[in-house]
Amino acid sequence: MKRVFGIMLGAMMIVSLSSVKAQTWKVDPAHSSILFSAKHNGISFVHGRFDKFEGSVEGGSASDFSGAKVSFSADVQSINTNVAPRDNHLRSADFFDVENHPKLTFESTSFKKTGDNTYEVAGNLTMRGNTKPVTLTATHIGSTKTRDGKDLVGFQLKGEVNRNDFGVSGAGGSVAPMIEITCNIEMAVQ
């Protein structure tokens, strides 16, 4: 009898867990930024951003995002370094080749808690048609509620990518291969 009761309880737990729908979070582009920094001529940095992007996270709660799944894309045409001729050069076949590769994307493969408010986010980044694994560190900045009572969270993600690994290799030796990435993300439950 105890064995039958245990099996029934286990089956009910599986059914109730499978019926719980994972939360979907949507990135708010009006309160988020996708930034990059590249060393120029070994003596200074050029900073830029992507002005048009979208992202979502499946899973996680306002207090724990372990195991969440991230999907992100940026419109490469929207690259902005505040210098129009440089932005046009970055869009060209020397760098991003926007005509043939209009989007860059990121799909996470893991989202692991590493500390009280920190995570390691690993995934596949695709730029210029080349996909490579990257790992970012994520800091959960905080959580609050929207005006209509939905959960709202903020994260900052940081990491580095070697642009040459993705074929974004223009500018000869004047631009360092390692590009620093900082993403300031605000997202709400949908």
C-alpha atoms as a PDB file:
ATOM      1  CA  MET A   1       0.000   0.000   0.000  1.00  0.00           C
ATOM      2  CA  LYS A   2       2.821   2.411   0.897  1.00  0.00           C
ATOM      3  CA  ARG A   3       4.507   1.610  -2.425  1.00  0.00           C
ATOM      4  CA  VAL A   4       1.292   2.310  -4.401  1.00  0.00           C
ATOM      5  CA  PHE A   5       0.780   5.572  -2.489  1.00  0.00           C
ATOM      6  CA  GLY A   6       4.412   6.590  -3.204  1.00  0.00           C
ATOM      7  CA  ILE A   7       4.011   5.873  -6.929  1.00  0.00           C
ATOM      8  CA  MET A   8       0.746   7.855  -7.058  1.00  0.00           C
ATOM      9  CA  LEU A   9       2.317  10.799  -5.202  1.00  0.00           C
ATOM     10  CA  GLY A  10       5.317  10.759  -7.555  1.00  0.00           C
ATOM     11  CA  ALA A  11       3.061  10.697 -10.622  1.00  0.00           C
ATOM     12  CA  MET A  12       0.990  13.613  -9.276  1.00  0.00           C
ATOM     13  CA  MET A  13       4.161  15.647  -8.667  1.00  0.00           C
ATOM     14  CA  ILE A  14       5.385  14.986 -12.212  1.00  0.00           C
ATOM     15  CA  VAL A  15       2.018  16.012 -13.681  1.00  0.00           C
ATOM     16  CA  SER A  16       1.833  19.186 -11.575  1.00  0.00           C
ATOM     17  CA  LEU A  17       5.429  20.155 -12.409  1.00  0.00           C
ATOM     18  CA  SER A  18       4.920  19.585 -16.119  1.00  0.00           C
ATOM     19  CA  SER A  19       1.782  21.738 -16.096  1.00  0.00           C
ATOM     20  CA  VAL A  20       3.680  24.748 -14.689  1.00  0.00           C
ATOM     21  CA  LYS A  21       4.547  26.952 -17.647  1.00  0.00           C
ATOM     22  CA  ALA A  22       7.974  28.552 -17.587  1.00  0.00           C
ATOM     23  CA  GLN A  23       7.924  32.340 -17.411  1.00  0.00           C
ATOM     24  CA  THR A  24       8.917  34.287 -20.494  1.00  0.00           C
ATOM     25  CA  TRP A  25      10.812  37.532 -20.015  1.00  0.00           C
ATOM     26  CA  LYS A  26      11.095  40.148 -22.751  1.00  0.00           C
ATOM     27  CA  VAL A  27      14.016  42.568 -22.981  1.00  0.00           C
ATOM     28  CA  ASP A  28      12.939  46.225 -22.909  1.00  0.00           C
ATOM     29  CA  PRO A  29      15.122  47.949 -25.558  1.00  0.00           C
ATOM     30  CA  ALA A  30      14.144  51.409 -24.258  1.00  0.00           C
ATOM     31  CA  HIS A  31      15.852  50.608 -20.944  1.00  0.00           C
ATOM     32  CA  SER A  32      18.637  48.309 -22.164  1.00  0.00           C
ATOM     33  CA  SER A  33      21.880  48.722 -24.106  1.00  0.00           C
ATOM     34  CA  ILE A  34      24.238  46.496 -26.091  1.00  0.00           C
ATOM     35  CA  LEU A  35      27.680  48.093 -25.937  1.00  0.00           C
ATOM     36  CA  PHE A  36      31.146  47.194 -27.217  1.00  0.00           C
ATOM     37  CA  SER A  37      34.633  48.563 -26.827  1.00  0.00           C
ATOM     38  CA  ALA A  38      37.603  48.012 -29.170  1.00  0.00           C
ATOM     39  CA  LYS A  39      41.206  49.035 -28.582  1.00  0.00           C
ATOM     40  CA  HIS A  40      42.453  51.255 -31.410  1.00  0.00           C
ATOM     41  CA  ASN A  41      46.136  51.491 -32.387  1.00  0.00           C
ATOM     42  CA  GLY A  42      47.012  50.048 -28.990  1.00  0.00           C
ATOM     43  CA  ILE A  43      46.565  53.427 -27.306  1.00  0.00           C
ATOM     44  CA  SER A  44      42.843  54.242 -26.991  1.00  0.00           C
ATOM     45  CA  PHE A  45      39.372  52.717 -27.134  1.00  0.00           C
ATOM     46  CA  VAL A  46      36.503  53.151 -29.568  1.00  0.00           C
ATOM     47  CA  HIS A  47      33.079  52.545 -28.036  1.00  0.00           C
ATOM     48  CA  GLY A  48      29.886  51.672 -29.849  1.00  0.00           C
ATOM     49  CA  ARG A  49      26.489  50.090 -29.546  1.00  0.00           C
ATOM     50  CA  PHE A  50      23.706  48.394 -31.453  1.00  0.00           C
ATOM     51  CA  ASP A  51      20.593  50.576 -31.418  1.00  0.00           C
ATOM     52  CA  LYS A  52      18.092  47.910 -32.573  1.00  0.00           C
ATOM     53  CA  PHE A  53      17.888  44.559 -30.822  1.00  0.00           C
ATOM     54  CA  GLU A  54      15.457  42.156 -29.200  1.00  0.00           C
ATOM     55  CA  GLY A  55      15.743  39.397 -26.680  1.00  0.00           C
ATOM     56  CA  SER A  56      13.823  37.038 -24.480  1.00  0.00           C
ATOM     57  CA  VAL A  57      14.536  34.669 -21.624  1.00  0.00           C
ATOM     58  CA  GLU A  58      12.559  31.506 -21.011  1.00  0.00           C
ATOM     59  CA  GLY A  59      12.437  30.389 -17.380  1.00  0.00           C
ATOM     60  CA  GLY A  60      13.827  31.900 -14.238  1.00  0.00           C
ATOM     61  CA  SER A  61      12.178  33.888 -11.486  1.00  0.00           C
ATOM     62  CA  ALA A  62      12.723  37.381 -10.103  1.00  0.00           C
ATOM     63  CA  SER A  63      15.218  35.877  -7.653  1.00  0.00           C
ATOM     64  CA  ASP A  64      16.867  32.976  -9.543  1.00  0.00           C
ATOM     65  CA  PHE A  65      17.609  32.463 -13.237  1.00  0.00           C
ATOM     66  CA  SER A  66      19.420  29.135 -12.964  1.00  0.00           C
ATOM     67  CA  GLY A  67      18.672  27.049 -16.044  1.00  0.00           C
ATOM     68  CA  ALA A  68      17.040  29.905 -17.987  1.00  0.00           C
ATOM     69  CA  LYS A  69      17.308  30.006 -21.799  1.00  0.00           C
ATOM     70  CA  VAL A  70      18.372  33.238 -23.554  1.00  0.00           C
ATOM     71  CA  SER A  71      17.579  34.215 -27.169  1.00  0.00           C
ATOM     72  CA  PHE A  72      18.920  37.484 -28.532  1.00  0.00           C
ATOM     73  CA  SER A  73      19.398  39.200 -31.889  1.00  0.00           C
ATOM     74  CA  ALA A  74      20.731  42.592 -32.983  1.00  0.00           C
ATOM     75  CA  ASP A  75      20.238  44.438 -36.254  1.00  0.00           C
ATOM     76  CA  VAL A  76      23.835  44.982 -37.431  1.00  0.00           C
ATOM     77  CA  GLN A  77      22.700  47.893 -39.617  1.00  0.00           C
ATOM     78  CA  SER A  78      22.011  49.740 -36.337  1.00  0.00           C
ATOM     79  CA  ILE A  79      25.692  49.757 -35.278  1.00  0.00           C
ATOM     80  CA  ASN A  80      26.549  53.179 -33.881  1.00  0.00           C
ATOM     81  CA  THR A  81      29.985  54.530 -32.891  1.00  0.00           C
ATOM     82  CA  ASN A  82      28.915  58.180 -33.327  1.00  0.00           C
ATOM     83  CA  VAL A  83      31.087  58.499 -36.461  1.00  0.00           C
ATOM     84  CA  ALA A  84      29.039  57.890 -39.639  1.00  0.00           C
ATOM     85  CA  PRO A  85      31.974  57.018 -41.968  1.00  0.00           C
ATOM     86  CA  ARG A  86      33.291  54.477 -39.439  1.00  0.00           C
ATOM     87  CA  ASP A  87      29.799  52.997 -38.971  1.00  0.00           C
ATOM     88  CA  ASN A  88      29.458  52.591 -42.755  1.00  0.00           C
ATOM     89  CA  HIS A  89      32.866  50.886 -42.875  1.00  0.00           C
ATOM     90  CA  LEU A  90      31.813  48.519 -40.058  1.00  0.00           C
ATOM     91  CA  ARG A  91      28.694  47.614 -42.084  1.00  0.00           C
ATOM     92  CA  SER A  92      30.805  46.829 -45.170  1.00  0.00           C
ATOM     93  CA  ALA A  93      32.254  43.492 -46.279  1.00  0.00           C
ATOM     94  CA  ASP A  94      35.511  44.455 -44.482  1.00  0.00           C
ATOM     95  CA  PHE A  95      33.762  43.869 -41.163  1.00  0.00           C
ATOM     96  CA  PHE A  96      30.145  42.733 -40.589  1.00  0.00           C
ATOM     97  CA  ASP A  97      29.024  42.456 -44.244  1.00  0.00           C
ATOM     98  CA  VAL A  98      25.508  43.652 -43.381  1.00  0.00           C
ATOM     99  CA  GLU A  99      24.231  43.039 -46.906  1.00  0.00           C
ATOM    100  CA  ASN A 100      24.755  39.282 -46.494  1.00  0.00           C
ATOM    101  CA  HIS A 101      24.575  39.001 -42.683  1.00  0.00           C
ATOM    102  CA  PRO A 102      22.055  41.535 -41.319  1.00  0.00           C
ATOM    103  CA  LYS A 103      21.723  40.001 -37.833  1.00  0.00           C
ATOM    104  CA  LEU A 104      23.959  38.805 -35.053  1.00  0.00           C
ATOM    105  CA  THR A 105      22.402  36.296 -32.677  1.00  0.00           C
ATOM    106  CA  PHE A 106      23.054  34.611 -29.349  1.00  0.00           C
ATOM    107  CA  GLU A 107      21.397  31.418 -28.091  1.00  0.00           C
ATOM    108  CA  SER A 108      22.357  30.233 -24.618  1.00  0.00           C
ATOM    109  CA  THR A 109      23.293  26.651 -23.859  1.00  0.00           C
ATOM    110  CA  SER A 110      23.521  27.104 -20.060  1.00  0.00           C
ATOM    111  CA  PHE A 111      22.714  29.678 -17.367  1.00  0.00           C
ATOM    112  CA  LYS A 112      24.498  28.667 -14.139  1.00  0.00           C
ATOM    113  CA  LYS A 113      24.472  30.420 -10.777  1.00  0.00           C
ATOM    114  CA  THR A 114      28.025  31.143  -9.558  1.00  0.00           C
ATOM    115  CA  GLY A 115      27.313  33.348  -6.521  1.00  0.00           C
ATOM    116  CA  ASP A 116      24.590  35.269  -4.698  1.00  0.00           C
ATOM    117  CA  ASN A 117      23.840  37.555  -7.676  1.00  0.00           C
ATOM    118  CA  THR A 118      26.169  36.173 -10.357  1.00  0.00           C
ATOM    119  CA  TYR A 119      25.792  33.685 -13.186  1.00  0.00           C
ATOM    120  CA  GLU A 120      27.795  32.194 -16.015  1.00  0.00           C
ATOM    121  CA  VAL A 121      25.912  32.321 -19.302  1.00  0.00           C
ATOM    122  CA  ALA A 122      27.328  30.132 -22.058  1.00  0.00           C
ATOM    123  CA  GLY A 123      25.985  29.964 -25.575  1.00  0.00           C
ATOM    124  CA  ASN A 124      26.504  30.261 -29.298  1.00  0.00           C
ATOM    125  CA  LEU A 125      27.154  33.674 -30.830  1.00  0.00           C
ATOM    126  CA  THR A 126      26.665  34.055 -34.590  1.00  0.00           C
ATOM    127  CA  MET A 127      28.204  36.984 -36.455  1.00  0.00           C
ATOM    128  CA  ARG A 128      28.813  37.236 -40.193  1.00  0.00           C
ATOM    129  CA  GLY A 129      27.520  33.684 -40.628  1.00  0.00           C
ATOM    130  CA  ASN A 130      30.045  32.180 -38.192  1.00  0.00           C
ATOM    131  CA  THR A 131      28.903  30.557 -34.960  1.00  0.00           C
ATOM    132  CA  LYS A 132      31.257  30.147 -31.993  1.00  0.00           C
ATOM    133  CA  PRO A 133      30.753  29.375 -28.304  1.00  0.00           C
ATOM    134  CA  VAL A 134      31.127  32.294 -25.895  1.00  0.00           C
ATOM    135  CA  THR A 135      30.781  32.652 -22.141  1.00  0.00           C
ATOM    136  CA  LEU A 136      29.533  35.792 -20.427  1.00  0.00           C
ATOM    137  CA  THR A 137      29.367  36.723 -16.759  1.00  0.00           C
ATOM    138  CA  ALA A 138      25.987  38.017 -15.633  1.00  0.00           C
ATOM    139  CA  THR A 139      25.254  40.067 -12.536  1.00  0.00           C
ATOM    140  CA  HIS A 140      21.660  40.271 -11.325  1.00  0.00           C
ATOM    141  CA  ILE A 141      21.418  43.987 -10.505  1.00  0.00           C
ATOM    142  CA  GLY A 142      17.991  43.796  -8.889  1.00  0.00           C
ATOM    143  CA  SER A 143      14.290  43.051  -9.129  1.00  0.00           C
ATOM    144  CA  THR A 144      11.140  45.127  -8.732  1.00  0.00           C
ATOM    145  CA  LYS A 145       7.585  45.295 -10.115  1.00  0.00           C
ATOM    146  CA  THR A 146       6.187  47.131 -13.124  1.00  0.00           C
ATOM    147  CA  ARG A 147       3.295  49.579 -12.675  1.00  0.00           C
ATOM    148  CA  ASP A 148       0.885  46.786 -13.519  1.00  0.00           C
ATOM    149  CA  GLY A 149       2.474  44.387 -11.002  1.00  0.00           C
ATOM    150  CA  LYS A 150       4.613  42.220 -13.297  1.00  0.00           C
ATOM    151  CA  ASP A 151       8.091  41.151 -12.238  1.00  0.00           C
ATOM    152  CA  LEU A 152      10.897  43.354 -13.605  1.00  0.00           C
ATOM    153  CA  VAL A 153      14.602  42.447 -13.378  1.00  0.00           C
ATOM    154  CA  GLY A 154      17.913  44.002 -14.346  1.00  0.00           C
ATOM    155  CA  PHE A 155      21.129  42.268 -15.408  1.00  0.00           C
ATOM    156  CA  GLN A 156      24.546  43.328 -16.596  1.00  0.00           C
ATOM    157  CA  LEU A 157      26.404  40.852 -18.804  1.00  0.00           C
ATOM    158  CA  LYS A 158      30.086  41.185 -19.666  1.00  0.00           C
ATOM    159  CA  GLY A 159      32.539  39.248 -21.775  1.00  0.00           C
ATOM    160  CA  GLU A 160      35.048  39.325 -24.610  1.00  0.00           C
ATOM    161  CA  VAL A 161      35.002  37.935 -28.131  1.00  0.00           C
ATOM    162  CA  ASN A 162      37.747  37.632 -30.688  1.00  0.00           C
ATOM    163  CA  ARG A 163      36.290  39.352 -33.751  1.00  0.00           C
ATOM    164  CA  ASN A 164      38.679  37.456 -36.041  1.00  0.00           C
ATOM    165  CA  ASP A 165      37.062  34.164 -34.979  1.00  0.00           C
ATOM    166  CA  PHE A 166      33.867  35.433 -36.634  1.00  0.00           C
ATOM    167  CA  GLY A 167      35.469  36.829 -39.799  1.00  0.00           C
ATOM    168  CA  VAL A 168      34.973  40.441 -38.680  1.00  0.00           C
ATOM    169  CA  SER A 169      38.617  41.079 -39.511  1.00  0.00           C
ATOM    170  CA  GLY A 170      38.910  44.452 -41.270  1.00  0.00           C
ATOM    171  CA  ALA A 171      41.208  47.351 -40.303  1.00  0.00           C
ATOM    172  CA  GLY A 172      44.457  45.391 -40.436  1.00  0.00           C
ATOM    173  CA  GLY A 173      46.307  45.786 -37.161  1.00  0.00           C
ATOM    174  CA  SER A 174      44.794  49.102 -36.088  1.00  0.00           C
ATOM    175  CA  VAL A 175      41.878  47.467 -34.213  1.00  0.00           C
ATOM    176  CA  ALA A 176      42.687  44.835 -31.590  1.00  0.00           C
ATOM    177  CA  PRO A 177      41.070  41.435 -32.123  1.00  0.00           C
ATOM    178  CA  MET A 178      39.538  41.226 -28.631  1.00  0.00           C
ATOM    179  CA  ILE A 179      36.279  43.175 -28.291  1.00  0.00           C
ATOM    180  CA  GLU A 180      34.785  43.856 -24.867  1.00  0.00           C
ATOM    181  CA  ILE A 181      31.009  43.454 -24.618  1.00  0.00           C
ATOM    182  CA  THR A 182      28.726  44.956 -21.954  1.00  0.00           C
ATOM    183  CA  CYS A 183      24.974  44.382 -22.031  1.00  0.00           C
ATOM    184  CA  ASN A 184      22.749  46.289 -19.601  1.00  0.00           C
ATOM    185  CA  ILE A 185      19.413  44.498 -19.671  1.00  0.00           C
ATOM    186  CA  GLU A 186      16.028  45.297 -18.172  1.00  0.00           C
ATOM    187  CA  MET A 187      13.273  42.762 -18.786  1.00  0.00           C
ATOM    188  CA  ALA A 188       9.769  42.028 -17.612  1.00  0.00           C
ATOM    189  CA  VAL A 189       7.578  38.948 -17.468  1.00  0.00           C
ATOM    190  CA  GLN A 190       5.255  38.696 -20.467  1.00  0.00           C
END
